[in-house]
Amino acid sequence: MTNKKVILNLALPLSIIAFILFTKWWIADVVDGTDGVMYGFPLIYKSPAFYTSMAEQYFIMELLIDFLFYFAVLSTILFLINIYISEIKIKINLLRFIYVIAVLLLGIEILFATVFETSFSIKRDFDIKIKQTGFKFYFSNEERNEFNKLHQ
C-alpha cells in the first residue's frame, strides 16, 4: 500500500474509536423546555428526547460535522507524523485489530441508538442555554454527577 492509503486506512478506524470514546458533555437548559445532558464535540449531536425517558435525539448534520472534524484532525496528525517524525508503517494484523475494535464500538453505539425510542432529525430545532461543560470518556459518569449536583 502507498503511504497515503496507509494514513487513510488508519485514520478512519481511529476516528471512529475517538469519536465514540471521547466527546464533550454539555449541561444545557432548553428554551421553553427542560434541562439535560447533551453530547458532542465541537457541536451537540445527541440530547435527551423530550417525549419519553431514556430516549435520545440525534441530529444528523451535527453528527456528520463532528465526525468529519475528528477525521480531519486525526488525518492531519497522522500526515504530519508521516512527514516530520517517521514514515508510518503498520502491519496488516494490527490494522485489522484496530478495525475490529472500531466496528465493535460502532456496533455498540448503534445498538444503544436503536434500542430505545430514539428520534433522528436533520438538525437541532430548539435553542439552548449552556450551564456547564466538560469532556467525557465513554465509561465515565462525571456529567451525571454534575447534573445531579445542579438539581439538589
C-alpha atoms as a PDB file:
ATOM      1  CA  MET A   1       0.000   0.000   0.000  1.00  0.00           C
ATOM      2  CA  THR A   2       1.140   3.523  -0.643  1.00  0.00           C
ATOM      3  CA  ASN A   3       1.657   5.692   2.368  1.00  0.00           C
ATOM      4  CA  LYS A   4      -1.407   7.864   1.671  1.00  0.00           C
ATOM      5  CA  LYS A   5      -3.567   4.749   1.705  1.00  0.00           C
ATOM      6  CA  VAL A   6      -1.974   3.650   4.981  1.00  0.00           C
ATOM      7  CA  ILE A   7      -2.770   7.017   6.549  1.00  0.00           C
ATOM      8  CA  LEU A   8      -6.384   6.937   5.364  1.00  0.00           C
ATOM      9  CA  ASN A   9      -6.798   3.264   6.327  1.00  0.00           C
ATOM     10  CA  LEU A  10      -5.542   4.117   9.802  1.00  0.00           C
ATOM     11  CA  ALA A  11      -7.363   7.443  10.165  1.00  0.00           C
ATOM     12  CA  LEU A  12     -10.844   6.004   9.551  1.00  0.00           C
ATOM     13  CA  PRO A  13     -10.947   3.424  12.378  1.00  0.00           C
ATOM     14  CA  LEU A  14      -9.060   5.721  14.746  1.00  0.00           C
ATOM     15  CA  SER A  15     -11.623   8.456  14.029  1.00  0.00           C
ATOM     16  CA  ILE A  16     -14.476   6.081  14.824  1.00  0.00           C
ATOM     17  CA  ILE A  17     -12.796   4.993  18.049  1.00  0.00           C
ATOM     18  CA  ALA A  18     -12.015   8.554  19.156  1.00  0.00           C
ATOM     19  CA  PHE A  19     -15.469   9.797  18.139  1.00  0.00           C
ATOM     20  CA  ILE A  20     -17.191   7.188  20.294  1.00  0.00           C
ATOM     21  CA  LEU A  21     -14.819   7.128  23.277  1.00  0.00           C
ATOM     22  CA  PHE A  22     -14.039  10.826  23.707  1.00  0.00           C
ATOM     23  CA  THR A  23     -16.553  13.637  23.485  1.00  0.00           C
ATOM     24  CA  LYS A  24     -17.772  16.710  25.292  1.00  0.00           C
ATOM     25  CA  TRP A  25     -20.803  16.900  27.554  1.00  0.00           C
ATOM     26  CA  TRP A  26     -22.985  19.938  27.878  1.00  0.00           C
ATOM     27  CA  ILE A  27     -25.461  20.575  30.681  1.00  0.00           C
ATOM     28  CA  ALA A  28     -27.942  22.857  28.970  1.00  0.00           C
ATOM     29  CA  ASP A  29     -31.330  24.436  29.558  1.00  0.00           C
ATOM     30  CA  VAL A  30     -33.623  24.057  26.597  1.00  0.00           C
ATOM     31  CA  VAL A  31     -35.504  27.293  25.918  1.00  0.00           C
ATOM     32  CA  ASP A  32     -39.187  26.576  26.661  1.00  0.00           C
ATOM     33  CA  GLY A  33     -38.249  23.101  27.851  1.00  0.00           C
ATOM     34  CA  THR A  34     -36.347  21.149  30.447  1.00  0.00           C
ATOM     35  CA  ASP A  35     -32.621  20.853  31.030  1.00  0.00           C
ATOM     36  CA  GLY A  36     -30.480  17.853  30.238  1.00  0.00           C
ATOM     37  CA  VAL A  37     -27.067  16.483  29.449  1.00  0.00           C
ATOM     38  CA  MET A  38     -26.165  16.696  25.767  1.00  0.00           C
ATOM     39  CA  TYR A  39     -23.154  15.298  23.942  1.00  0.00           C
ATOM     40  CA  GLY A  40     -20.915  16.176  21.023  1.00  0.00           C
ATOM     41  CA  PHE A  41     -17.756  17.990  20.054  1.00  0.00           C
ATOM     42  CA  PRO A  42     -17.494  20.562  18.546  1.00  0.00           C
ATOM     43  CA  LEU A  43     -21.304  20.574  18.046  1.00  0.00           C
ATOM     44  CA  ILE A  44     -24.045  18.906  20.068  1.00  0.00           C
ATOM     45  CA  TYR A  45     -25.262  15.883  18.122  1.00  0.00           C
ATOM     46  CA  LYS A  46     -27.076  13.935  20.870  1.00  0.00           C
ATOM     47  CA  SER A  47     -29.549  15.062  23.517  1.00  0.00           C
ATOM     48  CA  PRO A  48     -32.263  13.524  25.647  1.00  0.00           C
ATOM     49  CA  ALA A  49     -35.634  13.204  23.950  1.00  0.00           C
ATOM     50  CA  PHE A  50     -38.395  15.269  25.492  1.00  0.00           C
ATOM     51  CA  TYR A  51     -41.264  12.867  24.851  1.00  0.00           C
ATOM     52  CA  THR A  52     -40.155   9.860  26.954  1.00  0.00           C
ATOM     53  CA  SER A  53     -37.475   8.844  29.405  1.00  0.00           C
ATOM     54  CA  MET A  54     -34.294   7.043  28.322  1.00  0.00           C
ATOM     55  CA  ALA A  55     -34.864   8.036  24.695  1.00  0.00           C
ATOM     56  CA  GLU A  56     -32.394  10.217  22.856  1.00  0.00           C
ATOM     57  CA  GLN A  57     -32.429  12.552  19.888  1.00  0.00           C
ATOM     58  CA  TYR A  58     -29.670  12.509  17.279  1.00  0.00           C
ATOM     59  CA  PHE A  59     -29.017  15.442  14.983  1.00  0.00           C
ATOM     60  CA  ILE A  60     -27.599  14.078  11.744  1.00  0.00           C
ATOM     61  CA  MET A  61     -25.995  17.267  10.380  1.00  0.00           C
ATOM     62  CA  GLU A  62     -24.136  17.964  13.629  1.00  0.00           C
ATOM     63  CA  LEU A  63     -23.116  14.293  13.919  1.00  0.00           C
ATOM     64  CA  LEU A  64     -21.602  14.348  10.423  1.00  0.00           C
ATOM     65  CA  ILE A  65     -19.789  17.618  11.089  1.00  0.00           C
ATOM     66  CA  ASP A  66     -18.399  16.257  14.358  1.00  0.00           C
ATOM     67  CA  PHE A  67     -17.211  13.034  12.733  1.00  0.00           C
ATOM     68  CA  LEU A  68     -15.602  14.908   9.844  1.00  0.00           C
ATOM     69  CA  PHE A  69     -13.861  17.123  12.402  1.00  0.00           C
ATOM     70  CA  TYR A  70     -12.418  14.071  14.187  1.00  0.00           C
ATOM     71  CA  PHE A  71     -11.408  12.513  10.851  1.00  0.00           C
ATOM     72  CA  ALA A  72      -9.734  15.717   9.625  1.00  0.00           C
ATOM     73  CA  VAL A  73      -7.795  16.233  12.862  1.00  0.00           C
ATOM     74  CA  LEU A  74      -6.593  12.628  13.038  1.00  0.00           C
ATOM     75  CA  SER A  75      -5.711  12.559   9.336  1.00  0.00           C
ATOM     76  CA  THR A  76      -3.724  15.768   9.738  1.00  0.00           C
ATOM     77  CA  ILE A  77      -1.906  14.427  12.797  1.00  0.00           C
ATOM     78  CA  LEU A  78      -1.039  11.179  11.024  1.00  0.00           C
ATOM     79  CA  PHE A  79       0.032  13.060   7.894  1.00  0.00           C
ATOM     80  CA  LEU A  80       2.302  15.378   9.915  1.00  0.00           C
ATOM     81  CA  ILE A  81       3.797  12.437  11.814  1.00  0.00           C
ATOM     82  CA  ASN A  82       4.422  10.717   8.497  1.00  0.00           C
ATOM     83  CA  ILE A  83       6.217  13.764   7.059  1.00  0.00           C
ATOM     84  CA  TYR A  84       8.129  15.188  10.019  1.00  0.00           C
ATOM     85  CA  ILE A  85       8.704  12.372  12.502  1.00  0.00           C
ATOM     86  CA  SER A  86       8.696   8.935  10.910  1.00  0.00           C
ATOM     87  CA  GLU A  87       7.118   7.174   7.983  1.00  0.00           C
ATOM     88  CA  ILE A  88       4.036   5.332   9.159  1.00  0.00           C
ATOM     89  CA  LYS A  89       4.261   1.614   8.568  1.00  0.00           C
ATOM     90  CA  ILE A  90       1.629  -0.619  10.046  1.00  0.00           C
ATOM     91  CA  LYS A  91       1.312  -4.366   9.922  1.00  0.00           C
ATOM     92  CA  ILE A  92      -1.887  -5.683   8.416  1.00  0.00           C
ATOM     93  CA  ASN A  93      -2.747  -7.680  11.572  1.00  0.00           C
ATOM     94  CA  LEU A  94      -2.559  -4.558  13.731  1.00  0.00           C
ATOM     95  CA  LEU A  95      -4.698  -2.665  11.219  1.00  0.00           C
ATOM     96  CA  ARG A  96      -7.268  -5.486  11.285  1.00  0.00           C
ATOM     97  CA  PHE A  97      -7.307  -5.405  15.097  1.00  0.00           C
ATOM     98  CA  ILE A  98      -7.921  -1.636  15.072  1.00  0.00           C
ATOM     99  CA  TYR A  99     -10.761  -2.132  12.568  1.00  0.00           C
ATOM    100  CA  VAL A 100     -12.301  -4.859  14.770  1.00  0.00           C
ATOM    101  CA  ILE A 101     -12.238  -2.510  17.791  1.00  0.00           C
ATOM    102  CA  ALA A 102     -13.794   0.283  15.710  1.00  0.00           C
ATOM    103  CA  VAL A 103     -16.541  -1.986  14.356  1.00  0.00           C
ATOM    104  CA  LEU A 104     -17.328  -3.338  17.844  1.00  0.00           C
ATOM    105  CA  LEU A 105     -17.601   0.159  19.322  1.00  0.00           C
ATOM    106  CA  LEU A 106     -19.691   1.332  16.392  1.00  0.00           C
ATOM    107  CA  GLY A 107     -21.965  -1.692  16.785  1.00  0.00           C
ATOM    108  CA  ILE A 108     -22.458  -0.986  20.494  1.00  0.00           C
ATOM    109  CA  GLU A 109     -23.232   2.662  19.761  1.00  0.00           C
ATOM    110  CA  ILE A 110     -25.710   1.743  17.007  1.00  0.00           C
ATOM    111  CA  LEU A 111     -27.340  -0.780  19.344  1.00  0.00           C
ATOM    112  CA  PHE A 112     -27.829   1.878  22.028  1.00  0.00           C
ATOM    113  CA  ALA A 113     -29.135   4.308  19.427  1.00  0.00           C
ATOM    114  CA  THR A 114     -31.766   1.883  18.156  1.00  0.00           C
ATOM    115  CA  VAL A 115     -32.908   0.003  21.275  1.00  0.00           C
ATOM    116  CA  PHE A 116     -34.876   2.852  22.819  1.00  0.00           C
ATOM    117  CA  GLU A 117     -37.359   5.185  21.164  1.00  0.00           C
ATOM    118  CA  THR A 118     -34.681   7.275  19.548  1.00  0.00           C
ATOM    119  CA  SER A 119     -35.535  10.077  17.177  1.00  0.00           C
ATOM    120  CA  PHE A 120     -33.358  11.339  14.364  1.00  0.00           C
ATOM    121  CA  SER A 121     -33.610  14.784  12.845  1.00  0.00           C
ATOM    122  CA  ILE A 122     -31.564  16.670  10.305  1.00  0.00           C
ATOM    123  CA  LYS A 123     -30.563  19.416  12.753  1.00  0.00           C
ATOM    124  CA  ARG A 124     -31.378  20.654  16.226  1.00  0.00           C
ATOM    125  CA  ASP A 125     -34.550  22.724  16.149  1.00  0.00           C
ATOM    126  CA  PHE A 126     -34.507  24.205  19.648  1.00  0.00           C
ATOM    127  CA  ASP A 127     -32.407  26.835  21.395  1.00  0.00           C
ATOM    128  CA  ILE A 128     -30.341  26.088  24.472  1.00  0.00           C
ATOM    129  CA  LYS A 129     -28.504  27.934  27.216  1.00  0.00           C
ATOM    130  CA  ILE A 130     -25.302  26.250  28.352  1.00  0.00           C
ATOM    131  CA  LYS A 131     -24.868  25.850  32.121  1.00  0.00           C
ATOM    132  CA  GLN A 132     -21.725  23.742  32.276  1.00  0.00           C
ATOM    133  CA  THR A 133     -19.439  21.691  30.022  1.00  0.00           C
ATOM    134  CA  GLY A 134     -16.700  19.124  30.313  1.00  0.00           C
ATOM    135  CA  PHE A 135     -15.021  16.295  28.454  1.00  0.00           C
ATOM    136  CA  LYS A 136     -16.214  12.713  28.653  1.00  0.00           C
ATOM    137  CA  PHE A 137     -14.563   9.346  28.332  1.00  0.00           C
ATOM    138  CA  TYR A 138     -17.046   6.651  27.272  1.00  0.00           C
ATOM    139  CA  PHE A 139     -17.223   4.843  30.624  1.00  0.00           C
ATOM    140  CA  SER A 140     -17.210   7.868  32.951  1.00  0.00           C
ATOM    141  CA  ASN A 141     -20.276   9.390  34.599  1.00  0.00           C
ATOM    142  CA  GLU A 142     -18.859  12.739  35.660  1.00  0.00           C
ATOM    143  CA  GLU A 143     -21.518  14.666  33.742  1.00  0.00           C
ATOM    144  CA  ARG A 144     -24.321  12.828  35.577  1.00  0.00           C
ATOM    145  CA  ASN A 145     -22.742  13.726  38.936  1.00  0.00           C
ATOM    146  CA  GLU A 146     -22.507  17.381  37.889  1.00  0.00           C
ATOM    147  CA  PHE A 147     -26.094  17.320  36.603  1.00  0.00           C
ATOM    148  CA  ASN A 148     -27.302  15.848  39.915  1.00  0.00           C
ATOM    149  CA  LYS A 149     -25.370  18.499  41.882  1.00  0.00           C
ATOM    150  CA  LEU A 150     -27.224  21.218  39.975  1.00  0.00           C
ATOM    151  CA  HIS A 151     -30.560  19.676  40.990  1.00  0.00           C
ATOM    152  CA  GLN A 152     -30.010  19.243  44.725  1.00  0.00           C
END
